[in-house]
PDB file of N, CA and C in Angstrom:
ATOM      1  N   MET A   1      -8.667  22.259 -37.370  1.00  0.00           N
ATOM      2  CA  MET A   1      -8.804  22.220 -35.934  1.00  0.00           C
ATOM      3  C   MET A   1     -10.222  21.808 -35.592  1.00  0.00           C
ATOM      4  N   ASN A   2     -10.340  20.892 -34.613  1.00  0.00           N
ATOM      5  CA  ASN A   2     -11.648  20.446 -34.145  1.00  0.00           C
ATOM      6  C   ASN A   2     -12.032  21.222 -32.900  1.00  0.00           C
ATOM      7  N   VAL A   3     -13.271  21.605 -32.823  1.00  0.00           N
ATOM      8  CA  VAL A   3     -13.787  22.293 -31.651  1.00  0.00           C
ATOM      9  C   VAL A   3     -14.766  21.359 -30.965  1.00  0.00           C
ATOM     10  N   ILE A   4     -14.559  21.186 -29.675  1.00  0.00           N
ATOM     11  CA  ILE A   4     -15.425  20.308 -28.900  1.00  0.00           C
ATOM     12  C   ILE A   4     -16.206  21.174 -27.922  1.00  0.00           C
ATOM     13  N   THR A   5     -17.505  20.982 -27.894  1.00  0.00           N
ATOM     14  CA  THR A   5     -18.340  21.732 -26.953  1.00  0.00           C
ATOM     15  C   THR A   5     -18.958  20.748 -25.963  1.00  0.00           C
ATOM     16  N   MET A   6     -19.205  21.242 -24.757  1.00  0.00           N
ATOM     17  CA  MET A   6     -19.827  20.401 -23.734  1.00  0.00           C
ATOM     18  C   MET A   6     -20.612  21.283 -22.783  1.00  0.00           C
ATOM     19  N   GLU A   7     -21.500  20.646 -22.067  1.00  0.00           N
ATOM     20  CA  GLU A   7     -22.292  21.375 -21.087  1.00  0.00           C
ATOM     21  C   GLU A   7     -21.404  21.772 -19.914  1.00  0.00           C
ATOM     22  N   SER A   8     -21.784  22.846 -19.250  1.00  0.00           N
ATOM     23  CA  SER A   8     -20.972  23.335 -18.134  1.00  0.00           C
ATOM     24  C   SER A   8     -20.926  22.323 -16.983  1.00  0.00           C
ATOM     25  N   ALA A   9     -21.989  21.558 -16.782  1.00  0.00           N
ATOM     26  CA  ALA A   9     -22.003  20.542 -15.718  1.00  0.00           C
ATOM     27  C   ALA A   9     -20.963  19.458 -15.993  1.00  0.00           C
ATOM     28  N   VAL A  10     -20.829  19.068 -17.242  1.00  0.00           N
ATOM     29  CA  VAL A  10     -19.835  18.065 -17.619  1.00  0.00           C
ATOM     30  C   VAL A  10     -18.432  18.631 -17.413  1.00  0.00           C
ATOM     31  N   TYR A  11     -18.240  19.885 -17.827  1.00  0.00           N
ATOM     32  CA  TYR A  11     -16.944  20.550 -17.641  1.00  0.00           C
ATOM     33  C   TYR A  11     -16.595  20.642 -16.153  1.00  0.00           C
ATOM     34  N   ASP A  12     -17.552  21.032 -15.328  1.00  0.00           N
ATOM     35  CA  ASP A  12     -17.322  21.135 -13.884  1.00  0.00           C
ATOM     36  C   ASP A  12     -16.960  19.778 -13.281  1.00  0.00           C
ATOM     37  N   ASN A  13     -17.618  18.726 -13.753  1.00  0.00           N
ATOM     38  CA  ASN A  13     -17.330  17.374 -13.292  1.00  0.00           C
ATOM     39  C   ASN A  13     -15.891  16.974 -13.643  1.00  0.00           C
ATOM     40  N   ILE A  14     -15.480  17.255 -14.853  1.00  0.00           N
ATOM     41  CA  ILE A  14     -14.113  16.951 -15.289  1.00  0.00           C
ATOM     42  C   ILE A  14     -13.102  17.731 -14.455  1.00  0.00           C
ATOM     43  N   MET A  15     -13.376  19.004 -14.220  1.00  0.00           N
ATOM     44  CA  MET A  15     -12.458  19.837 -13.443  1.00  0.00           C
ATOM     45  C   MET A  15     -12.370  19.354 -11.993  1.00  0.00           C
ATOM     46  N   ALA A  16     -13.494  18.913 -11.427  1.00  0.00           N
ATOM     47  CA  ALA A  16     -13.486  18.394 -10.052  1.00  0.00           C
ATOM     48  C   ALA A  16     -12.631  17.131  -9.965  1.00  0.00           C
ATOM     49  N   LYS A  17     -12.747  16.256 -10.964  1.00  0.00           N
ATOM     50  CA  LYS A  17     -11.933  15.043 -10.984  1.00  0.00           C
ATOM     51  C   LYS A  17     -10.453  15.385 -11.141  1.00  0.00           C
ATOM     52  N   LEU A  18     -10.145  16.367 -11.968  1.00  0.00           N
ATOM     53  CA  LEU A  18      -8.749  16.788 -12.123  1.00  0.00           C
ATOM     54  C   LEU A  18      -8.197  17.379 -10.832  1.00  0.00           C
ATOM     55  N   ASP A  19      -9.005  18.166 -10.131  1.00  0.00           N
ATOM     56  CA  ASP A  19      -8.580  18.727  -8.850  1.00  0.00           C
ATOM     57  C   ASP A  19      -8.310  17.623  -7.829  1.00  0.00           C
ATOM     58  N   LYS A  20      -9.187  16.624  -7.794  1.00  0.00           N
ATOM     59  CA  LYS A  20      -9.003  15.510  -6.877  1.00  0.00           C
ATOM     60  C   LYS A  20      -7.730  14.743  -7.221  1.00  0.00           C
ATOM     61  N   PHE A  21      -7.512  14.520  -8.500  1.00  0.00           N
ATOM     62  CA  PHE A  21      -6.304  13.828  -8.953  1.00  0.00           C
ATOM     63  C   PHE A  21      -5.055  14.618  -8.562  1.00  0.00           C
ATOM     64  N   GLU A  22      -5.111  15.927  -8.717  1.00  0.00           N
ATOM     65  CA  GLU A  22      -3.983  16.777  -8.354  1.00  0.00           C
ATOM     66  C   GLU A  22      -3.675  16.665  -6.860  1.00  0.00           C
ATOM     67  N   GLU A  23      -4.709  16.670  -6.022  1.00  0.00           N
ATOM     68  CA  GLU A  23      -4.506  16.547  -4.579  1.00  0.00           C
ATOM     69  C   GLU A  23      -3.899  15.194  -4.213  1.00  0.00           C
ATOM     70  N   GLU A  24      -4.388  14.125  -4.835  1.00  0.00           N
ATOM     71  CA  GLU A  24      -3.843  12.790  -4.577  1.00  0.00           C
ATOM     72  C   GLU A  24      -2.381  12.709  -5.007  1.00  0.00           C
ATOM     73  N   LEU A  25      -2.057  13.326  -6.131  1.00  0.00           N
ATOM     74  CA  LEU A  25      -0.680  13.334  -6.620  1.00  0.00           C
ATOM     75  C   LEU A  25       0.221  14.105  -5.662  1.00  0.00           C
ATOM     76  N   LYS A  26      -0.245  15.254  -5.189  1.00  0.00           N
ATOM     77  CA  LYS A  26       0.533  16.029  -4.224  1.00  0.00           C
ATOM     78  C   LYS A  26       0.749  15.236  -2.940  1.00  0.00           C
ATOM     79  N   LYS A  27      -0.287  14.535  -2.496  1.00  0.00           N
ATOM     80  CA  LYS A  27      -0.185  13.721  -1.283  1.00  0.00           C
ATOM     81  C   LYS A  27       0.847  12.611  -1.477  1.00  0.00           C
ATOM     82  N   ALA A  28       0.830  11.985  -2.634  1.00  0.00           N
ATOM     83  CA  ALA A  28       1.789  10.913  -2.919  1.00  0.00           C
ATOM     84  C   ALA A  28       3.218  11.444  -2.938  1.00  0.00           C
ATOM     85  N   VAL A  29       3.408  12.618  -3.494  1.00  0.00           N
ATOM     86  CA  VAL A  29       4.742  13.218  -3.538  1.00  0.00           C
ATOM     87  C   VAL A  29       5.205  13.554  -2.129  1.00  0.00           C
ATOM     88  N   ARG A  30       4.309  14.107  -1.310  1.00  0.00           N
ATOM     89  CA  ARG A  30       4.671  14.455   0.071  1.00  0.00           C
ATOM     90  C   ARG A  30       5.072  13.217   0.858  1.00  0.00           C
ATOM     91  N   THR A  31       4.292  12.150   0.758  1.00  0.00           N
ATOM     92  CA  THR A  31       4.589  10.956   1.541  1.00  0.00           C
ATOM     93  C   THR A  31       5.817  10.229   1.019  1.00  0.00           C
ATOM     94  N   SER A  32       6.119  10.345  -0.264  1.00  0.00           N
ATOM     95  CA  SER A  32       7.293   9.655  -0.788  1.00  0.00           C
ATOM     96  C   SER A  32       8.578  10.338  -0.362  1.00  0.00           C
ATOM     97  N   SER A  33       8.502  11.585   0.095  1.00  0.00           N
ATOM     98  CA  SER A  33       9.711  12.274   0.532  1.00  0.00           C
ATOM     99  C   SER A  33      10.078  11.919   1.972  1.00  0.00           C
ATOM    100  N   TYR A  34       9.181  11.248   2.707  1.00  0.00           N
ATOM    101  CA  TYR A  34       9.479  10.811   4.061  1.00  0.00           C
ATOM    102  C   TYR A  34      10.321   9.541   4.008  1.00  0.00           C
ATOM    103  N   PRO A  35      11.243   9.387   4.953  1.00  0.00           N
ATOM    104  CA  PRO A  35      11.978   8.119   5.019  1.00  0.00           C
ATOM    105  C   PRO A  35      11.010   6.976   5.314  1.00  0.00           C
ATOM    106  N   LEU A  36      11.389   5.788   4.912  1.00  0.00           N
ATOM    107  CA  LEU A  36      10.522   4.624   5.084  1.00  0.00           C
ATOM    108  C   LEU A  36      10.142   4.419   6.547  1.00  0.00           C
ATOM    109  N   SER A  37      11.059   4.713   7.459  1.00  0.00           N
ATOM    110  CA  SER A  37      10.780   4.496   8.874  1.00  0.00           C
ATOM    111  C   SER A  37       9.703   5.433   9.414  1.00  0.00           C
ATOM    112  N   GLU A  38       9.405   6.537   8.714  1.00  0.00           N
ATOM    113  CA  GLU A  38       8.420   7.502   9.188  1.00  0.00           C
ATOM    114  C   GLU A  38       7.053   7.354   8.518  1.00  0.00           C
ATOM    115  N   ARG A  39       6.920   6.442   7.585  1.00  0.00           N
ATOM    116  CA  ARG A  39       5.638   6.251   6.899  1.00  0.00           C
ATOM    117  C   ARG A  39       4.793   5.239   7.660  1.00  0.00           C
ATOM    118  N   TRP A  40       3.484   5.501   7.698  1.00  0.00           N
ATOM    119  CA  TRP A  40       2.540   4.621   8.370  1.00  0.00           C
ATOM    120  C   TRP A  40       1.481   4.172   7.387  1.00  0.00           C
ATOM    121  N   LEU A  41       1.060   2.928   7.498  1.00  0.00           N
ATOM    122  CA  LEU A  41       0.016   2.363   6.647  1.00  0.00           C
ATOM    123  C   LEU A  41      -1.127   1.909   7.537  1.00  0.00           C
ATOM    124  N   ASP A  42      -2.351   2.135   7.092  1.00  0.00           N
ATOM    125  CA  ASP A  42      -3.490   1.640   7.856  1.00  0.00           C
ATOM    126  C   ASP A  42      -3.896   0.264   7.338  1.00  0.00           C
ATOM    127  N   ASN A  43      -4.909  -0.328   7.968  1.00  0.00           N
ATOM    128  CA  ASN A  43      -5.359  -1.672   7.581  1.00  0.00           C
ATOM    129  C   ASN A  43      -5.733  -1.747   6.106  1.00  0.00           C
ATOM    130  N   ASP A  44      -6.499  -0.771   5.630  1.00  0.00           N
ATOM    131  CA  ASP A  44      -6.964  -0.808   4.245  1.00  0.00           C
ATOM    132  C   ASP A  44      -5.791  -0.784   3.269  1.00  0.00           C
ATOM    133  N   ALA A  45      -4.823   0.097   3.524  1.00  0.00           N
ATOM    134  CA  ALA A  45      -3.668   0.191   2.625  1.00  0.00           C
ATOM    135  C   ALA A  45      -2.870  -1.106   2.636  1.00  0.00           C
ATOM    136  N   LEU A  46      -2.683  -1.681   3.817  1.00  0.00           N
ATOM    137  CA  LEU A  46      -1.907  -2.914   3.904  1.00  0.00           C
ATOM    138  C   LEU A  46      -2.648  -4.098   3.284  1.00  0.00           C
ATOM    139  N   CYS A  47      -3.956  -4.120   3.421  1.00  0.00           N
ATOM    140  CA  CYS A  47      -4.748  -5.173   2.761  1.00  0.00           C
ATOM    141  C   CYS A  47      -4.569  -5.102   1.245  1.00  0.00           C
ATOM    142  N   LYS A  48      -4.547  -3.907   0.702  1.00  0.00           N
ATOM    143  CA  LYS A  48      -4.345  -3.742  -0.743  1.00  0.00           C
ATOM    144  C   LYS A  48      -2.951  -4.174  -1.150  1.00  0.00           C
ATOM    145  N   ILE A  49      -1.951  -3.805  -0.354  1.00  0.00           N
ATOM    146  CA  ILE A  49      -0.569  -4.165  -0.678  1.00  0.00           C
ATOM    147  C   ILE A  49      -0.373  -5.677  -0.628  1.00  0.00           C
ATOM    148  N   PHE A  50      -0.880  -6.304   0.431  1.00  0.00           N
ATOM    149  CA  PHE A  50      -0.716  -7.747   0.610  1.00  0.00           C
ATOM    150  C   PHE A  50      -1.745  -8.567  -0.163  1.00  0.00           C
ATOM    151  N   CYS A  51      -2.783  -7.935  -0.665  1.00  0.00           N
ATOM    152  CA  CYS A  51      -3.907  -8.655  -1.297  1.00  0.00           C
ATOM    153  C   CYS A  51      -4.461  -9.689  -0.315  1.00  0.00           C
ATOM    154  N   CYS A  52      -4.754  -9.223   0.885  1.00  0.00           N
ATOM    155  CA  CYS A  52      -5.266 -10.131   1.911  1.00  0.00           C
ATOM    156  C   CYS A  52      -6.441  -9.468   2.626  1.00  0.00           C
ATOM    157  N   SER A  53      -7.058 -10.217   3.505  1.00  0.00           N
ATOM    158  CA  SER A  53      -8.211  -9.705   4.258  1.00  0.00           C
ATOM    159  C   SER A  53      -7.748  -9.058   5.562  1.00  0.00           C
ATOM    160  N   LYS A  54      -8.660  -8.336   6.186  1.00  0.00           N
ATOM    161  CA  LYS A  54      -8.369  -7.744   7.492  1.00  0.00           C
ATOM    162  C   LYS A  54      -8.169  -8.836   8.536  1.00  0.00           C
ATOM    163  N   ARG A  55      -8.829  -9.936   8.360  1.00  0.00           N
ATOM    164  CA  ARG A  55      -8.677 -11.064   9.281  1.00  0.00           C
ATOM    165  C   ARG A  55      -7.251 -11.619   9.222  1.00  0.00           C
ATOM    166  N   THR A  56      -6.666 -11.665   8.047  1.00  0.00           N
ATOM    167  CA  THR A  56      -5.284 -12.127   7.921  1.00  0.00           C
ATOM    168  C   THR A  56      -4.339 -11.198   8.677  1.00  0.00           C
ATOM    169  N   LEU A  57      -4.559  -9.890   8.554  1.00  0.00           N
ATOM    170  CA  LEU A  57      -3.735  -8.945   9.300  1.00  0.00           C
ATOM    171  C   LEU A  57      -3.926  -9.131  10.799  1.00  0.00           C
ATOM    172  N   GLN A  58      -5.161  -9.413  11.214  1.00  0.00           N
ATOM    173  CA  GLN A  58      -5.418  -9.654  12.633  1.00  0.00           C
ATOM    174  C   GLN A  58      -4.641 -10.875  13.116  1.00  0.00           C
ATOM    175  N   MET A  59      -4.573 -11.916  12.293  1.00  0.00           N
ATOM    176  CA  MET A  59      -3.824 -13.115  12.659  1.00  0.00           C
ATOM    177  C   MET A  59      -2.335 -12.770  12.805  1.00  0.00           C
ATOM    178  N   TYR A  60      -1.784 -11.944  11.899  1.00  0.00           N
ATOM    179  CA  TYR A  60      -0.383 -11.523  12.011  1.00  0.00           C
ATOM    180  C   TYR A  60      -0.154 -10.749  13.307  1.00  0.00           C
ATOM    181  N   ARG A  61      -1.123  -9.923  13.691  1.00  0.00           N
ATOM    182  CA  ARG A  61      -1.007  -9.176  14.941  1.00  0.00           C
ATOM    183  C   ARG A  61      -1.094 -10.119  16.147  1.00  0.00           C
ATOM    184  N   ASP A  62      -2.079 -11.022  16.127  1.00  0.00           N
ATOM    185  CA  ASP A  62      -2.276 -11.956  17.238  1.00  0.00           C
ATOM    186  C   ASP A  62      -1.052 -12.848  17.455  1.00  0.00           C
ATOM    187  N   GLU A  63      -0.405 -13.226  16.373  1.00  0.00           N
ATOM    188  CA  GLU A  63       0.770 -14.097  16.441  1.00  0.00           C
ATOM    189  C   GLU A  63       2.058 -13.297  16.669  1.00  0.00           C
ATOM    190  N   HIS A  64       1.937 -11.985  16.861  1.00  0.00           N
ATOM    191  CA  HIS A  64       3.088 -11.089  17.077  1.00  0.00           C
ATOM    192  C   HIS A  64       4.077 -11.143  15.917  1.00  0.00           C
ATOM    193  N   MET A  65       3.563 -11.331  14.721  1.00  0.00           N
ATOM    194  CA  MET A  65       4.405 -11.387  13.537  1.00  0.00           C
ATOM    195  C   MET A  65       4.625 -10.005  12.936  1.00  0.00           C
ATOM    196  N   LEU A  66       3.679  -9.113  13.154  1.00  0.00           N
ATOM    197  CA  LEU A  66       3.720  -7.795  12.534  1.00  0.00           C
ATOM    198  C   LEU A  66       3.414  -6.734  13.584  1.00  0.00           C
ATOM    199  N   PRO A  67       4.400  -5.899  13.945  1.00  0.00           N
ATOM    200  CA  PRO A  67       4.148  -4.845  14.933  1.00  0.00           C
ATOM    201  C   PRO A  67       3.120  -3.839  14.419  1.00  0.00           C
ATOM    202  N   PHE A  68       2.366  -3.242  15.340  1.00  0.00           N
ATOM    203  CA  PHE A  68       1.329  -2.291  14.949  1.00  0.00           C
ATOM    204  C   PHE A  68       1.080  -1.311  16.070  1.00  0.00           C
ATOM    205  N   SER A  69       0.401  -0.240  15.744  1.00  0.00           N
ATOM    206  CA  SER A  69      -0.100   0.716  16.725  1.00  0.00           C
ATOM    207  C   SER A  69      -1.596   0.814  16.535  1.00  0.00           C
ATOM    208  N   GLN A  70      -2.298   1.052  17.630  1.00  0.00           N
ATOM    209  CA  GLN A  70      -3.748   1.133  17.568  1.00  0.00           C
ATOM    210  C   GLN A  70      -4.207   2.450  18.169  1.00  0.00           C
ATOM    211  N   ILE A  71      -5.042   3.159  17.419  1.00  0.00           N
ATOM    212  CA  ILE A  71      -5.694   4.364  17.901  1.00  0.00           C
ATOM    213  C   ILE A  71      -7.191   4.116  17.761  1.00  0.00           C
ATOM    214  N   LYS A  72      -7.846   3.997  18.906  1.00  0.00           N
ATOM    215  CA  LYS A  72      -9.252   3.589  18.964  1.00  0.00           C
ATOM    216  C   LYS A  72      -9.397   2.256  18.241  1.00  0.00           C
ATOM    217  N   HIS A  73     -10.170   2.203  17.156  1.00  0.00           N
ATOM    218  CA  HIS A  73     -10.381   0.939  16.449  1.00  0.00           C
ATOM    219  C   HIS A  73      -9.570   0.836  15.163  1.00  0.00           C
ATOM    220  N   ARG A  74      -8.648   1.753  14.961  1.00  0.00           N
ATOM    221  CA  ARG A  74      -7.849   1.737  13.734  1.00  0.00           C
ATOM    222  C   ARG A  74      -6.448   1.232  14.019  1.00  0.00           C
ATOM    223  N   MET A  75      -5.949   0.386  13.116  1.00  0.00           N
ATOM    224  CA  MET A  75      -4.611  -0.180  13.240  1.00  0.00           C
ATOM    225  C   MET A  75      -3.688   0.513  12.248  1.00  0.00           C
ATOM    226  N   TYR A  76      -2.458   0.745  12.686  1.00  0.00           N
ATOM    227  CA  TYR A  76      -1.452   1.379  11.836  1.00  0.00           C
ATOM    228  C   TYR A  76      -0.159   0.578  11.912  1.00  0.00           C
ATOM    229  N   TYR A  77       0.534   0.502  10.786  1.00  0.00           N
ATOM    230  CA  TYR A  77       1.759  -0.263  10.682  1.00  0.00           C
ATOM    231  C   TYR A  77       2.847   0.630  10.096  1.00  0.00           C
ATOM    232  N   ARG A  78       4.039   0.587  10.689  1.00  0.00           N
ATOM    233  CA  ARG A  78       5.152   1.336  10.110  1.00  0.00           C
ATOM    234  C   ARG A  78       5.613   0.614   8.856  1.00  0.00           C
ATOM    235  N   ALA A  79       5.898   1.378   7.830  1.00  0.00           N
ATOM    236  CA  ALA A  79       6.320   0.785   6.559  1.00  0.00           C
ATOM    237  C   ALA A  79       7.612  -0.006   6.729  1.00  0.00           C
ATOM    238  N   CYS A  80       8.509   0.465   7.584  1.00  0.00           N
ATOM    239  CA  CYS A  80       9.768  -0.278   7.779  1.00  0.00           C
ATOM    240  C   CYS A  80       9.503  -1.626   8.456  1.00  0.00           C
ATOM    241  N   ASP A  81       8.482  -1.708   9.345  1.00  0.00           N
ATOM    242  CA  ASP A  81       8.126  -2.987   9.961  1.00  0.00           C
ATOM    243  C   ASP A  81       7.516  -3.942   8.936  1.00  0.00           C
ATOM    244  N   VAL A  82       6.734  -3.391   8.027  1.00  0.00           N
ATOM    245  CA  VAL A  82       6.139  -4.212   6.963  1.00  0.00           C
ATOM    246  C   VAL A  82       7.244  -4.763   6.074  1.00  0.00           C
ATOM    247  N   GLU A  83       8.204  -3.919   5.722  1.00  0.00           N
ATOM    248  CA  GLU A  83       9.322  -4.367   4.884  1.00  0.00           C
ATOM    249  C   GLU A  83      10.122  -5.465   5.599  1.00  0.00           C
ATOM    250  N   LYS A  84      10.370  -5.293   6.885  1.00  0.00           N
ATOM    251  CA  LYS A  84      11.097  -6.290   7.673  1.00  0.00           C
ATOM    252  C   LYS A  84      10.311  -7.606   7.709  1.00  0.00           C
ATOM    253  N   PHE A  85       8.988  -7.511   7.907  1.00  0.00           N
ATOM    254  CA  PHE A  85       8.123  -8.690   7.920  1.00  0.00           C
ATOM    255  C   PHE A  85       8.221  -9.451   6.596  1.00  0.00           C
ATOM    256  N   LEU A  86       8.201  -8.714   5.496  1.00  0.00           N
ATOM    257  CA  LEU A  86       8.289  -9.355   4.184  1.00  0.00           C
ATOM    258  C   LEU A  86       9.641 -10.023   3.995  1.00  0.00           C
ATOM    259  N   ASN A  87      10.713  -9.345   4.367  1.00  0.00           N
ATOM    260  CA  ASN A  87      12.050  -9.921   4.213  1.00  0.00           C
ATOM    261  C   ASN A  87      12.245 -11.150   5.090  1.00  0.00           C
ATOM    262  N   GLU A  88      11.707 -11.132   6.306  1.00  0.00           N
ATOM    263  CA  GLU A  88      11.833 -12.281   7.198  1.00  0.00           C
ATOM    264  C   GLU A  88      11.048 -13.484   6.699  1.00  0.00           C
ATOM    265  N   ASN A  89      10.016 -13.253   5.918  1.00  0.00           N
ATOM    266  CA  ASN A  89       9.178 -14.342   5.429  1.00  0.00           C
ATOM    267  C   ASN A  89       9.424 -14.670   3.967  1.00  0.00           C
ATOM    268  N   LEU A  90      10.525 -14.183   3.433  1.00  0.00           N
ATOM    269  CA  LEU A  90      10.908 -14.489   2.057  1.00  0.00           C
ATOM    270  C   LEU A  90      11.375 -15.939   1.996  1.00  0.00           C
ATOM    271  N   LYS A  91      10.832 -16.697   1.112  1.00  0.00           N
ATOM    272  CA  LYS A  91      11.203 -18.104   0.960  1.00  0.00           C
ATOM    273  C   LYS A  91      12.187 -18.243  -0.190  1.00  0.00           C
ATOM    274  N   VAL A  92      13.257 -18.986   0.049  1.00  0.00           N
ATOM    275  CA  VAL A  92      14.241 -19.260  -0.996  1.00  0.00           C
ATOM    276  C   VAL A  92      14.103 -20.730  -1.350  1.00  0.00           C
ATOM    277  N   ILE A  93      13.878 -21.004  -2.624  1.00  0.00           N
ATOM    278  CA  ILE A  93      13.732 -22.387  -3.074  1.00  0.00           C
ATOM    279  C   ILE A  93      14.858 -22.705  -4.048  1.00  0.00           C
ATOM    280  N   ARG A  94      15.169 -23.949  -4.173  1.00  0.00           N
ATOM    281  CA  ARG A  94      16.220 -24.380  -5.093  1.00  0.00           C
ATOM    282  C   ARG A  94      15.562 -25.063  -6.293  1.00  0.00           C
ATOM    283  N   GLU A  95      16.071 -24.706  -7.461  1.00  0.00           N
ATOM    284  CA  GLU A  95      15.610 -25.372  -8.671  1.00  0.00           C
ATOM    285  C   GLU A  95      16.434 -26.636  -8.861  1.00  0.00           C
ATOM    286  N   ASN A  96      16.097 -27.440  -9.851  1.00  0.00           N
ATOM    287  CA  ASN A  96      16.793 -28.702 -10.089  1.00  0.00           C
ATOM    288  C   ASN A  96      18.278 -28.521 -10.380  1.00  0.00           C
ATOM    289  N   ASN A  97      18.639 -27.428 -11.038  1.00  0.00           N
ATOM    290  CA  ASN A  97      20.042 -27.247 -11.404  1.00  0.00           C
ATOM    291  C   ASN A  97      20.852 -26.578 -10.297  1.00  0.00           C
ATOM    292  N   GLY A  98      20.284 -26.417  -9.103  1.00  0.00           N
ATOM    293  CA  GLY A  98      21.030 -25.917  -7.960  1.00  0.00           C
ATOM    294  C   GLY A  98      21.029 -24.415  -7.778  1.00  0.00           C
ATOM    295  N   ARG A  99      20.504 -23.672  -8.736  1.00  0.00           N
ATOM    296  CA  ARG A  99      20.453 -22.219  -8.575  1.00  0.00           C
ATOM    297  C   ARG A  99      19.345 -21.862  -7.608  1.00  0.00           C
ATOM    298  N   ARG A 100      19.564 -20.761  -6.879  1.00  0.00           N
ATOM    299  CA  ARG A 100      18.541 -20.296  -5.941  1.00  0.00           C
ATOM    300  C   ARG A 100      17.548 -19.414  -6.681  1.00  0.00           C
ATOM    301  N   LYS A 101      16.322 -19.518  -6.286  1.00  0.00           N
ATOM    302  CA  LYS A 101      15.266 -18.678  -6.854  1.00  0.00           C
ATOM    303  C   LYS A 101      14.435 -18.160  -5.707  1.00  0.00           C
ATOM    304  N   ARG A 102      14.192 -16.851  -5.698  1.00  0.00           N
ATOM    305  CA  ARG A 102      13.371 -16.258  -4.646  1.00  0.00           C
ATOM    306  C   ARG A 102      11.904 -16.404  -5.018  1.00  0.00           C
ATOM    307  N   SER A 103      11.133 -16.709  -4.017  1.00  0.00           N
ATOM    308  CA  SER A 103       9.705 -16.877  -4.235  1.00  0.00           C
ATOM    309  C   SER A 103       8.971 -16.538  -2.952  1.00  0.00           C
ATOM    310  N   GLY A 104       7.802 -15.938  -3.088  1.00  0.00           N
ATOM    311  CA  GLY A 104       6.965 -15.656  -1.930  1.00  0.00           C
ATOM    312  C   GLY A 104       6.199 -16.869  -1.488  1.00  0.00           C
ATOM    313  N   LYS A 105       6.108 -17.863  -2.349  1.00  0.00           N
ATOM    314  CA  LYS A 105       5.361 -19.082  -2.042  1.00  0.00           C
ATOM    315  C   LYS A 105       6.286 -20.273  -2.192  1.00  0.00           C
ATOM    316  N   GLN A 106       5.973 -21.320  -1.506  1.00  0.00           N
ATOM    317  CA  GLN A 106       6.802 -22.509  -1.600  1.00  0.00           C
ATOM    318  C   GLN A 106       5.993 -23.688  -2.018  1.00  0.00           C
TER     319      GLN A 106
END
């Protein structure tokens, strides 16, 4: 059996990270139990999901492509609206042999 020793500051740091991870995991479990129509995403979360800039989201809002709610300077999007937006903008392309292939880009 190997025994590993460490300073108490290092141990406290590890425990703090584990506690933070536990809280994030609990939060993820709580939000996943909500129906899709009740989940809300903010600008930062949607930018990560779409891999786009905040300016791109602003263009979607300006063009009335993506419904949103605004509280002060923060924008929020219902997850079901985001899903609808993605489905409406799904591009279907045809390959040479006539089969359909789904693609986000054309």
